[in-house]
């Protein structure tokens, strides 16, 4: 069972958005095959959070087997923890300025 870590989940901007840019935007971006479902910004992604959970984790349909870039196990885990923690739009934390 996946739970949200005490310190919070992955950063959207630092951990999750790069996954969407590298994996999902190959199809889900303007000018691509699935441009009608863009997944390039937080507001676009937030609209589809429930369906993302279904497509990626429950039915395992996304990314499809023929996707240009598959999800790695680490990326899959990051997305799962982010969804479990509420799919928040959290910024990346700069470790050099954190207390």
PDB file of N, CA and C in Angstrom:
ATOM      1  N   UNK A   1       0.842  -1.180   0.000  1.00  0.00           N
ATOM      2  CA  UNK A   1       0.000   0.000   0.000  1.00  0.00           C
ATOM      3  C   UNK A   1       0.889   1.246   0.000  1.00  0.00           C
ATOM      4  N   UNK A   2       0.578   2.180  -0.856  1.00  0.00           N
ATOM      5  CA  UNK A   2       1.345   3.412  -0.963  1.00  0.00           C
ATOM      6  C   UNK A   2       0.715   4.455  -0.050  1.00  0.00           C
ATOM      7  N   UNK A   3       1.547   5.133   0.723  1.00  0.00           N
ATOM      8  CA  UNK A   3       1.086   6.224   1.570  1.00  0.00           C
ATOM      9  C   UNK A   3       1.900   7.471   1.270  1.00  0.00           C
ATOM     10  N   UNK A   4       1.357   8.601   1.651  1.00  0.00           N
ATOM     11  CA  UNK A   4       2.061   9.862   1.469  1.00  0.00           C
ATOM     12  C   UNK A   4       3.108   9.993   2.566  1.00  0.00           C
ATOM     13  N   UNK A   5       4.356  10.270   2.216  1.00  0.00           N
ATOM     14  CA  UNK A   5       5.400  10.429   3.232  1.00  0.00           C
ATOM     15  C   UNK A   5       5.083  11.586   4.184  1.00  0.00           C
ATOM     16  N   UNK A   6       5.572  11.510   5.399  1.00  0.00           N
ATOM     17  CA  UNK A   6       5.326  12.557   6.393  1.00  0.00           C
ATOM     18  C   UNK A   6       5.746  13.934   5.910  1.00  0.00           C
ATOM     19  N   UNK A   7       6.825  14.023   5.187  1.00  0.00           N
ATOM     20  CA  UNK A   7       7.315  15.311   4.697  1.00  0.00           C
ATOM     21  C   UNK A   7       6.594  15.806   3.458  1.00  0.00           C
ATOM     22  N   UNK A   8       5.599  15.087   2.986  1.00  0.00           N
ATOM     23  CA  UNK A   8       4.881  15.452   1.771  1.00  0.00           C
ATOM     24  C   UNK A   8       5.359  14.642   0.586  1.00  0.00           C
ATOM     25  N   UNK A   9       4.647  14.777  -0.498  1.00  0.00           N
ATOM     26  CA  UNK A   9       4.946  13.993  -1.687  1.00  0.00           C
ATOM     27  C   UNK A   9       5.944  14.663  -2.601  1.00  0.00           C
ATOM     28  N   UNK A  10       6.117  14.084  -3.769  1.00  0.00           N
ATOM     29  CA  UNK A  10       7.039  14.645  -4.762  1.00  0.00           C
ATOM     30  C   UNK A  10       6.601  16.054  -5.160  1.00  0.00           C
ATOM     31  N   UNK A  11       7.560  16.864  -5.518  1.00  0.00           N
ATOM     32  CA  UNK A  11       7.298  18.205  -6.017  1.00  0.00           C
ATOM     33  C   UNK A  11       6.732  18.091  -7.427  1.00  0.00           C
ATOM     34  N   UNK A  12       5.668  18.839  -7.715  1.00  0.00           N
ATOM     35  CA  UNK A  12       5.135  18.815  -9.068  1.00  0.00           C
ATOM     36  C   UNK A  12       6.177  19.372 -10.046  1.00  0.00           C
ATOM     37  N   UNK A  13       6.694  20.555  -9.748  1.00  0.00           N
ATOM     38  CA  UNK A  13       7.600  21.198 -10.697  1.00  0.00           C
ATOM     39  C   UNK A  13       8.941  20.493 -10.809  1.00  0.00           C
ATOM     40  N   UNK A  14       9.431  19.935  -9.711  1.00  0.00           N
ATOM     41  CA  UNK A  14      10.753  19.322  -9.738  1.00  0.00           C
ATOM     42  C   UNK A  14      10.779  17.853 -10.076  1.00  0.00           C
ATOM     43  N   UNK A  15       9.718  17.130  -9.708  1.00  0.00           N
ATOM     44  CA  UNK A  15       9.711  15.675  -9.868  1.00  0.00           C
ATOM     45  C   UNK A  15       8.697  15.164 -10.888  1.00  0.00           C
ATOM     46  N   UNK A  16       7.510  15.739 -10.892  1.00  0.00           N
ATOM     47  CA  UNK A  16       6.412  15.199 -11.701  1.00  0.00           C
ATOM     48  C   UNK A  16       6.357  15.814 -13.103  1.00  0.00           C
ATOM     49  N   UNK A  17       6.450  17.135 -13.195  1.00  0.00           N
ATOM     50  CA  UNK A  17       6.368  17.783 -14.511  1.00  0.00           C
ATOM     51  C   UNK A  17       7.424  17.257 -15.487  1.00  0.00           C
ATOM     52  N   UNK A  18       8.665  17.018 -15.043  1.00  0.00           N
ATOM     53  CA  UNK A  18       9.632  16.444 -15.994  1.00  0.00           C
ATOM     54  C   UNK A  18       9.195  15.082 -16.550  1.00  0.00           C
ATOM     55  N   UNK A  19       8.477  14.304 -15.783  1.00  0.00           N
ATOM     56  CA  UNK A  19       7.968  13.016 -16.280  1.00  0.00           C
ATOM     57  C   UNK A  19       6.955  13.261 -17.391  1.00  0.00           C
ATOM     58  N   UNK A  20       6.024  14.184 -17.142  1.00  0.00           N
ATOM     59  CA  UNK A  20       5.022  14.494 -18.163  1.00  0.00           C
ATOM     60  C   UNK A  20       5.681  15.048 -19.422  1.00  0.00           C
ATOM     61  N   UNK A  21       6.681  15.908 -19.252  1.00  0.00           N
ATOM     62  CA  UNK A  21       7.361  16.487 -20.413  1.00  0.00           C
ATOM     63  C   UNK A  21       8.126  15.429 -21.204  1.00  0.00           C
ATOM     64  N   UNK A  22       8.793  14.519 -20.516  1.00  0.00           N
ATOM     65  CA  UNK A  22       9.630  13.523 -21.189  1.00  0.00           C
ATOM     66  C   UNK A  22       8.866  12.324 -21.720  1.00  0.00           C
ATOM     67  N   UNK A  23       7.797  11.947 -21.053  1.00  0.00           N
ATOM     68  CA  UNK A  23       7.080  10.735 -21.434  1.00  0.00           C
ATOM     69  C   UNK A  23       5.740  11.060 -22.099  1.00  0.00           C
ATOM     70  N   UNK A  24       4.895  11.788 -21.422  1.00  0.00           N
ATOM     71  CA  UNK A  24       3.522  11.995 -21.886  1.00  0.00           C
ATOM     72  C   UNK A  24       3.405  12.983 -23.046  1.00  0.00           C
ATOM     73  N   UNK A  25       4.247  14.027 -23.016  1.00  0.00           N
ATOM     74  CA  UNK A  25       4.150  15.063 -24.051  1.00  0.00           C
ATOM     75  C   UNK A  25       4.560  14.575 -25.433  1.00  0.00           C
ATOM     76  N   UNK A  26       5.135  13.381 -25.518  1.00  0.00           N
ATOM     77  CA  UNK A  26       5.426  12.819 -26.842  1.00  0.00           C
ATOM     78  C   UNK A  26       4.152  12.604 -27.637  1.00  0.00           C
ATOM     79  N   UNK A  27       3.036  12.430 -26.949  1.00  0.00           N
ATOM     80  CA  UNK A  27       1.743  12.260 -27.608  1.00  0.00           C
ATOM     81  C   UNK A  27       0.729  13.326 -27.164  1.00  0.00           C
ATOM     82  N   UNK A  28       0.781  13.681 -25.867  1.00  0.00           N
ATOM     83  CA  UNK A  28      -0.213  14.581 -25.277  1.00  0.00           C
ATOM     84  C   UNK A  28       0.295  16.017 -25.207  1.00  0.00           C
ATOM     85  N   UNK A  29       0.545  16.601 -26.359  1.00  0.00           N
ATOM     86  CA  UNK A  29       0.990  17.989 -26.473  1.00  0.00           C
ATOM     87  C   UNK A  29       0.461  18.561 -27.780  1.00  0.00           C
ATOM     88  N   UNK A  30       0.359  19.884 -27.873  1.00  0.00           N
ATOM     89  CA  UNK A  30      -0.099  20.482 -29.131  1.00  0.00           C
ATOM     90  C   UNK A  30       0.724  19.975 -30.314  1.00  0.00           C
ATOM     91  N   UNK A  31       0.014  19.590 -31.366  1.00  0.00           N
ATOM     92  CA  UNK A  31       0.664  19.104 -32.577  1.00  0.00           C
ATOM     93  C   UNK A  31       0.989  17.623 -32.571  1.00  0.00           C
ATOM     94  N   UNK A  32       0.743  16.945 -31.460  1.00  0.00           N
ATOM     95  CA  UNK A  32       1.033  15.506 -31.368  1.00  0.00           C
ATOM     96  C   UNK A  32      -0.249  14.695 -31.560  1.00  0.00           C
ATOM     97  N   UNK A  33      -0.128  13.382 -31.552  1.00  0.00           N
ATOM     98  CA  UNK A  33      -1.255  12.499 -31.875  1.00  0.00           C
ATOM     99  C   UNK A  33      -2.424  12.613 -30.897  1.00  0.00           C
ATOM    100  N   UNK A  34      -2.174  12.930 -29.664  1.00  0.00           N
ATOM    101  CA  UNK A  34      -3.236  13.064 -28.661  1.00  0.00           C
ATOM    102  C   UNK A  34      -3.345  14.512 -28.173  1.00  0.00           C
ATOM    103  N   UNK A  35      -3.238  15.444 -29.105  1.00  0.00           N
ATOM    104  CA  UNK A  35      -3.271  16.870 -28.772  1.00  0.00           C
ATOM    105  C   UNK A  35      -4.582  17.289 -28.126  1.00  0.00           C
ATOM    106  N   UNK A  36      -5.652  16.527 -28.328  1.00  0.00           N
ATOM    107  CA  UNK A  36      -6.937  16.874 -27.717  1.00  0.00           C
ATOM    108  C   UNK A  36      -6.929  16.669 -26.203  1.00  0.00           C
ATOM    109  N   UNK A  37      -5.927  15.957 -25.689  1.00  0.00           N
ATOM    110  CA  UNK A  37      -5.753  15.764 -24.252  1.00  0.00           C
ATOM    111  C   UNK A  37      -4.329  16.201 -23.902  1.00  0.00           C
ATOM    112  N   UNK A  38      -4.081  17.523 -23.894  1.00  0.00           N
ATOM    113  CA  UNK A  38      -2.730  17.980 -23.590  1.00  0.00           C
ATOM    114  C   UNK A  38      -2.396  17.771 -22.119  1.00  0.00           C
ATOM    115  N   UNK A  39      -1.174  17.364 -21.861  1.00  0.00           N
ATOM    116  CA  UNK A  39      -0.703  17.137 -20.497  1.00  0.00           C
ATOM    117  C   UNK A  39       0.649  17.829 -20.330  1.00  0.00           C
ATOM    118  N   UNK A  40       0.645  19.151 -20.514  1.00  0.00           N
ATOM    119  CA  UNK A  40       1.904  19.882 -20.470  1.00  0.00           C
ATOM    120  C   UNK A  40       1.969  20.924 -19.355  1.00  0.00           C
ATOM    121  N   UNK A  41       0.842  21.224 -18.695  1.00  0.00           N
ATOM    122  CA  UNK A  41       0.820  22.195 -17.600  1.00  0.00           C
ATOM    123  C   UNK A  41       0.029  21.613 -16.435  1.00  0.00           C
ATOM    124  N   UNK A  42       0.234  22.167 -15.251  1.00  0.00           N
ATOM    125  CA  UNK A  42      -0.497  21.666 -14.091  1.00  0.00           C
ATOM    126  C   UNK A  42      -2.012  21.739 -14.284  1.00  0.00           C
ATOM    127  N   UNK A  43      -2.584  22.873 -14.728  1.00  0.00           N
ATOM    128  CA  UNK A  43      -4.037  22.904 -14.915  1.00  0.00           C
ATOM    129  C   UNK A  43      -4.549  21.829 -15.883  1.00  0.00           C
ATOM    130  N   UNK A  44      -3.809  21.571 -16.959  1.00  0.00           N
ATOM    131  CA  UNK A  44      -4.220  20.525 -17.903  1.00  0.00           C
ATOM    132  C   UNK A  44      -4.156  19.148 -17.247  1.00  0.00           C
ATOM    133  N   UNK A  45      -3.103  18.911 -16.518  1.00  0.00           N
ATOM    134  CA  UNK A  45      -2.917  17.615 -15.864  1.00  0.00           C
ATOM    135  C   UNK A  45      -3.947  17.425 -14.762  1.00  0.00           C
ATOM    136  N   UNK A  46      -4.218  18.469 -13.988  1.00  0.00           N
ATOM    137  CA  UNK A  46      -5.155  18.378 -12.866  1.00  0.00           C
ATOM    138  C   UNK A  46      -6.546  17.933 -13.315  1.00  0.00           C
ATOM    139  N   UNK A  47      -6.975  18.396 -14.479  1.00  0.00           N
ATOM    140  CA  UNK A  47      -8.281  18.004 -15.019  1.00  0.00           C
ATOM    141  C   UNK A  47      -8.379  16.485 -15.188  1.00  0.00           C
ATOM    142  N   UNK A  48      -7.261  15.850 -15.474  1.00  0.00           N
ATOM    143  CA  UNK A  48      -7.243  14.427 -15.798  1.00  0.00           C
ATOM    144  C   UNK A  48      -6.701  13.527 -14.679  1.00  0.00           C
ATOM    145  N   UNK A  49      -6.514  14.057 -13.466  1.00  0.00           N
ATOM    146  CA  UNK A  49      -5.876  13.284 -12.398  1.00  0.00           C
ATOM    147  C   UNK A  49      -6.560  11.940 -12.158  1.00  0.00           C
ATOM    148  N   UNK A  50      -7.869  11.920 -12.050  1.00  0.00           N
ATOM    149  CA  UNK A  50      -8.581  10.657 -11.825  1.00  0.00           C
ATOM    150  C   UNK A  50      -8.380   9.688 -12.974  1.00  0.00           C
ATOM    151  N   UNK A  51      -8.453  10.194 -14.177  1.00  0.00           N
ATOM    152  CA  UNK A  51      -8.270   9.341 -15.348  1.00  0.00           C
ATOM    153  C   UNK A  51      -6.818   8.890 -15.479  1.00  0.00           C
ATOM    154  N   UNK A  52      -5.877   9.751 -15.085  1.00  0.00           N
ATOM    155  CA  UNK A  52      -4.467   9.353 -15.102  1.00  0.00           C
ATOM    156  C   UNK A  52      -4.247   8.164 -14.181  1.00  0.00           C
ATOM    157  N   UNK A  53      -4.801   8.239 -12.998  1.00  0.00           N
ATOM    158  CA  UNK A  53      -4.673   7.118 -12.060  1.00  0.00           C
ATOM    159  C   UNK A  53      -5.246   5.849 -12.677  1.00  0.00           C
ATOM    160  N   UNK A  54      -6.397   5.965 -13.300  1.00  0.00           N
ATOM    161  CA  UNK A  54      -7.022   4.804 -13.940  1.00  0.00           C
ATOM    162  C   UNK A  54      -6.185   4.281 -15.105  1.00  0.00           C
ATOM    163  N   UNK A  55      -5.784   5.166 -16.004  1.00  0.00           N
ATOM    164  CA  UNK A  55      -5.078   4.753 -17.216  1.00  0.00           C
ATOM    165  C   UNK A  55      -3.663   4.233 -16.951  1.00  0.00           C
ATOM    166  N   UNK A  56      -2.958   4.836 -15.988  1.00  0.00           N
ATOM    167  CA  UNK A  56      -1.572   4.447 -15.728  1.00  0.00           C
ATOM    168  C   UNK A  56      -1.482   3.289 -14.737  1.00  0.00           C
ATOM    169  N   UNK A  57      -2.308   3.309 -13.689  1.00  0.00           N
ATOM    170  CA  UNK A  57      -2.131   2.333 -12.613  1.00  0.00           C
ATOM    171  C   UNK A  57      -3.207   1.247 -12.527  1.00  0.00           C
ATOM    172  N   UNK A  58      -4.444   1.579 -12.786  1.00  0.00           N
ATOM    173  CA  UNK A  58      -5.497   0.570 -12.643  1.00  0.00           C
ATOM    174  C   UNK A  58      -5.658  -0.292 -13.888  1.00  0.00           C
ATOM    175  N   UNK A  59      -5.748   0.340 -15.050  1.00  0.00           N
ATOM    176  CA  UNK A  59      -5.917  -0.440 -16.278  1.00  0.00           C
ATOM    177  C   UNK A  59      -4.602  -0.631 -17.030  1.00  0.00           C
ATOM    178  N   UNK A  60      -3.570   0.074 -16.635  1.00  0.00           N
ATOM    179  CA  UNK A  60      -2.227  -0.049 -17.241  1.00  0.00           C
ATOM    180  C   UNK A  60      -2.234   0.169 -18.756  1.00  0.00           C
ATOM    181  N   UNK A  61      -3.031   1.125 -19.215  1.00  0.00           N
ATOM    182  CA  UNK A  61      -3.119   1.415 -20.645  1.00  0.00           C
ATOM    183  C   UNK A  61      -2.171   2.521 -21.101  1.00  0.00           C
ATOM    184  N   UNK A  62      -1.701   3.326 -20.159  1.00  0.00           N
ATOM    185  CA  UNK A  62      -0.811   4.430 -20.500  1.00  0.00           C
ATOM    186  C   UNK A  62       0.478   4.322 -19.703  1.00  0.00           C
ATOM    187  N   UNK A  63       1.561   4.662 -20.306  1.00  0.00           N
ATOM    188  CA  UNK A  63       1.690   4.827 -21.742  1.00  0.00           C
ATOM    189  C   UNK A  63       1.526   3.481 -22.438  1.00  0.00           C
ATOM    190  N   UNK A  64       1.077   3.525 -23.689  1.00  0.00           N
ATOM    191  CA  UNK A  64       0.864   2.273 -24.414  1.00  0.00           C
ATOM    192  C   UNK A  64       2.199   1.568 -24.698  1.00  0.00           C
ATOM    193  N   UNK A  65       2.148   0.288 -24.994  1.00  0.00           N
ATOM    194  CA  UNK A  65       3.386  -0.467 -25.256  1.00  0.00           C
ATOM    195  C   UNK A  65       4.243   0.119 -26.377  1.00  0.00           C
ATOM    196  N   UNK A  66       3.609   0.800 -27.333  1.00  0.00           N
ATOM    197  CA  UNK A  66       4.361   1.372 -28.453  1.00  0.00           C
ATOM    198  C   UNK A  66       4.717   2.842 -28.244  1.00  0.00           C
ATOM    199  N   UNK A  67       4.629   3.328 -27.012  1.00  0.00           N
ATOM    200  CA  UNK A  67       4.946   4.728 -26.718  1.00  0.00           C
ATOM    201  C   UNK A  67       6.401   5.029 -27.064  1.00  0.00           C
ATOM    202  N   UNK A  68       6.667   6.231 -27.566  1.00  0.00           N
ATOM    203  CA  UNK A  68       8.047   6.592 -27.906  1.00  0.00           C
ATOM    204  C   UNK A  68       8.985   6.507 -26.696  1.00  0.00           C
ATOM    205  N   UNK A  69       8.473   6.860 -25.516  1.00  0.00           N
ATOM    206  CA  UNK A  69       9.263   6.802 -24.287  1.00  0.00           C
ATOM    207  C   UNK A  69       8.400   6.143 -23.209  1.00  0.00           C
ATOM    208  N   UNK A  70       8.808   5.008 -22.688  1.00  0.00           N
ATOM    209  CA  UNK A  70       8.024   4.352 -21.633  1.00  0.00           C
ATOM    210  C   UNK A  70       8.297   5.005 -20.278  1.00  0.00           C
ATOM    211  N   UNK A  71       7.437   4.717 -19.323  1.00  0.00           N
ATOM    212  CA  UNK A  71       7.668   5.142 -17.942  1.00  0.00           C
ATOM    213  C   UNK A  71       8.627   4.165 -17.284  1.00  0.00           C
ATOM    214  N   UNK A  72       9.646   4.687 -16.634  1.00  0.00           N
ATOM    215  CA  UNK A  72      10.544   3.816 -15.872  1.00  0.00           C
ATOM    216  C   UNK A  72       9.850   3.443 -14.558  1.00  0.00           C
ATOM    217  N   UNK A  73      10.365   2.448 -13.885  1.00  0.00           N
ATOM    218  CA  UNK A  73       9.810   2.063 -12.586  1.00  0.00           C
ATOM    219  C   UNK A  73       9.886   3.228 -11.604  1.00  0.00           C
ATOM    220  N   UNK A  74      10.979   3.977 -11.604  1.00  0.00           N
ATOM    221  CA  UNK A  74      11.125   5.131 -10.709  1.00  0.00           C
ATOM    222  C   UNK A  74      10.111   6.221 -11.040  1.00  0.00           C
ATOM    223  N   UNK A  75       9.896   6.485 -12.316  1.00  0.00           N
ATOM    224  CA  UNK A  75       8.907   7.483 -12.719  1.00  0.00           C
ATOM    225  C   UNK A  75       7.503   7.042 -12.321  1.00  0.00           C
ATOM    226  N   UNK A  76       7.219   5.791 -12.518  1.00  0.00           N
ATOM    227  CA  UNK A  76       5.913   5.236 -12.142  1.00  0.00           C
ATOM    228  C   UNK A  76       5.686   5.408 -10.638  1.00  0.00           C
ATOM    229  N   UNK A  77       6.706   5.118  -9.840  1.00  0.00           N
ATOM    230  CA  UNK A  77       6.602   5.257  -8.389  1.00  0.00           C
ATOM    231  C   UNK A  77       6.403   6.722  -7.993  1.00  0.00           C
ATOM    232  N   UNK A  78       7.131   7.626  -8.625  1.00  0.00           N
ATOM    233  CA  UNK A  78       6.984   9.055  -8.339  1.00  0.00           C
ATOM    234  C   UNK A  78       5.561   9.512  -8.622  1.00  0.00           C
ATOM    235  N   UNK A  79       5.012   9.123  -9.759  1.00  0.00           N
ATOM    236  CA  UNK A  79       3.629   9.495 -10.098  1.00  0.00           C
ATOM    237  C   UNK A  79       2.635   8.911  -9.103  1.00  0.00           C
ATOM    238  N   UNK A  80       2.837   7.670  -8.711  1.00  0.00           N
ATOM    239  CA  UNK A  80       1.921   7.025  -7.774  1.00  0.00           C
ATOM    240  C   UNK A  80       1.932   7.740  -6.421  1.00  0.00           C
ATOM    241  N   UNK A  81       3.102   8.070  -5.928  1.00  0.00           N
ATOM    242  CA  UNK A  81       3.190   8.780  -4.639  1.00  0.00           C
ATOM    243  C   UNK A  81       2.589  10.175  -4.776  1.00  0.00           C
ATOM    244  N   UNK A  82       2.844  10.862  -5.876  1.00  0.00           N
ATOM    245  CA  UNK A  82       2.274  12.197  -6.095  1.00  0.00           C
ATOM    246  C   UNK A  82       0.748  12.128  -6.100  1.00  0.00           C
ATOM    247  N   UNK A  83       0.179  11.172  -6.793  1.00  0.00           N
ATOM    248  CA  UNK A  83      -1.273  11.011  -6.811  1.00  0.00           C
ATOM    249  C   UNK A  83      -1.804  10.670  -5.428  1.00  0.00           C
ATOM    250  N   UNK A  84      -1.122   9.796  -4.722  1.00  0.00           N
ATOM    251  CA  UNK A  84      -1.530   9.393  -3.374  1.00  0.00           C
ATOM    252  C   UNK A  84      -1.531  10.590  -2.419  1.00  0.00           C
ATOM    253  N   UNK A  85      -0.602  11.509  -2.618  1.00  0.00           N
ATOM    254  CA  UNK A  85      -0.480  12.692  -1.748  1.00  0.00           C
ATOM    255  C   UNK A  85      -1.415  13.830  -2.165  1.00  0.00           C
ATOM    256  N   UNK A  86      -2.262  13.595  -3.129  1.00  0.00           N
ATOM    257  CA  UNK A  86      -3.249  14.598  -3.514  1.00  0.00           C
ATOM    258  C   UNK A  86      -2.963  15.346  -4.789  1.00  0.00           C
ATOM    259  N   UNK A  87      -1.931  14.956  -5.524  1.00  0.00           N
ATOM    260  CA  UNK A  87      -1.601  15.570  -6.821  1.00  0.00           C
ATOM    261  C   UNK A  87      -1.511  17.087  -6.719  1.00  0.00           C
ATOM    262  N   UNK A  88      -0.771  17.551  -5.722  1.00  0.00           N
ATOM    263  CA  UNK A  88      -0.666  18.982  -5.466  1.00  0.00           C
ATOM    264  C   UNK A  88       0.337  19.655  -6.394  1.00  0.00           C
ATOM    265  N   UNK A  89       0.139  20.957  -6.583  1.00  0.00           N
ATOM    266  CA  UNK A  89       1.038  21.770  -7.402  1.00  0.00           C
ATOM    267  C   UNK A  89       2.107  22.358  -6.497  1.00  0.00           C
ATOM    268  N   UNK A  90       2.982  21.504  -6.012  1.00  0.00           N
ATOM    269  CA  UNK A  90       4.021  21.950  -5.097  1.00  0.00           C
ATOM    270  C   UNK A  90       5.289  22.287  -5.861  1.00  0.00           C
ATOM    271  N   UNK A  91       5.947  23.376  -5.471  1.00  0.00           N
ATOM    272  CA  UNK A  91       7.202  23.738  -6.144  1.00  0.00           C
ATOM    273  C   UNK A  91       8.358  22.862  -5.682  1.00  0.00           C
ATOM    274  N   UNK A  92       9.394  22.857  -6.456  1.00  0.00           N
ATOM    275  CA  UNK A  92      10.604  22.154  -6.056  1.00  0.00           C
ATOM    276  C   UNK A  92      11.233  22.915  -4.890  1.00  0.00           C
ATOM    277  N   UNK A  93      11.795  22.195  -3.949  1.00  0.00           N
ATOM    278  CA  UNK A  93      12.458  22.812  -2.807  1.00  0.00           C
ATOM    279  C   UNK A  93      13.940  22.895  -3.111  1.00  0.00           C
ATOM    280  N   UNK A  94      14.489  24.065  -2.941  1.00  0.00           N
ATOM    281  CA  UNK A  94      15.917  24.270  -3.137  1.00  0.00           C
ATOM    282  C   UNK A  94      16.625  23.844  -1.855  1.00  0.00           C
ATOM    283  N   UNK A  95      17.331  22.735  -1.906  1.00  0.00           N
ATOM    284  CA  UNK A  95      17.973  22.178  -0.720  1.00  0.00           C
ATOM    285  C   UNK A  95      18.985  23.149  -0.120  1.00  0.00           C
ATOM    286  N   UNK A  96      19.548  24.032  -0.924  1.00  0.00           N
ATOM    287  CA  UNK A  96      20.555  24.951  -0.396  1.00  0.00           C
ATOM    288  C   UNK A  96      19.928  26.051   0.468  1.00  0.00           C
ATOM    289  N   UNK A  97      18.603  26.279   0.346  1.00  0.00           N
ATOM    290  CA  UNK A  97      17.946  27.312   1.152  1.00  0.00           C
ATOM    291  C   UNK A  97      17.005  26.724   2.180  1.00  0.00           C
ATOM    292  N   UNK A  98      16.808  25.419   2.171  1.00  0.00           N
ATOM    293  CA  UNK A  98      15.901  24.784   3.136  1.00  0.00           C
ATOM    294  C   UNK A  98      16.546  24.750   4.508  1.00  0.00           C
ATOM    295  N   UNK A  99      15.721  24.917   5.552  1.00  0.00           N
ATOM    296  CA  UNK A  99      16.243  24.867   6.928  1.00  0.00           C
ATOM    297  C   UNK A  99      16.405  23.452   7.395  1.00  0.00           C
TER     298      UNK A  99
END
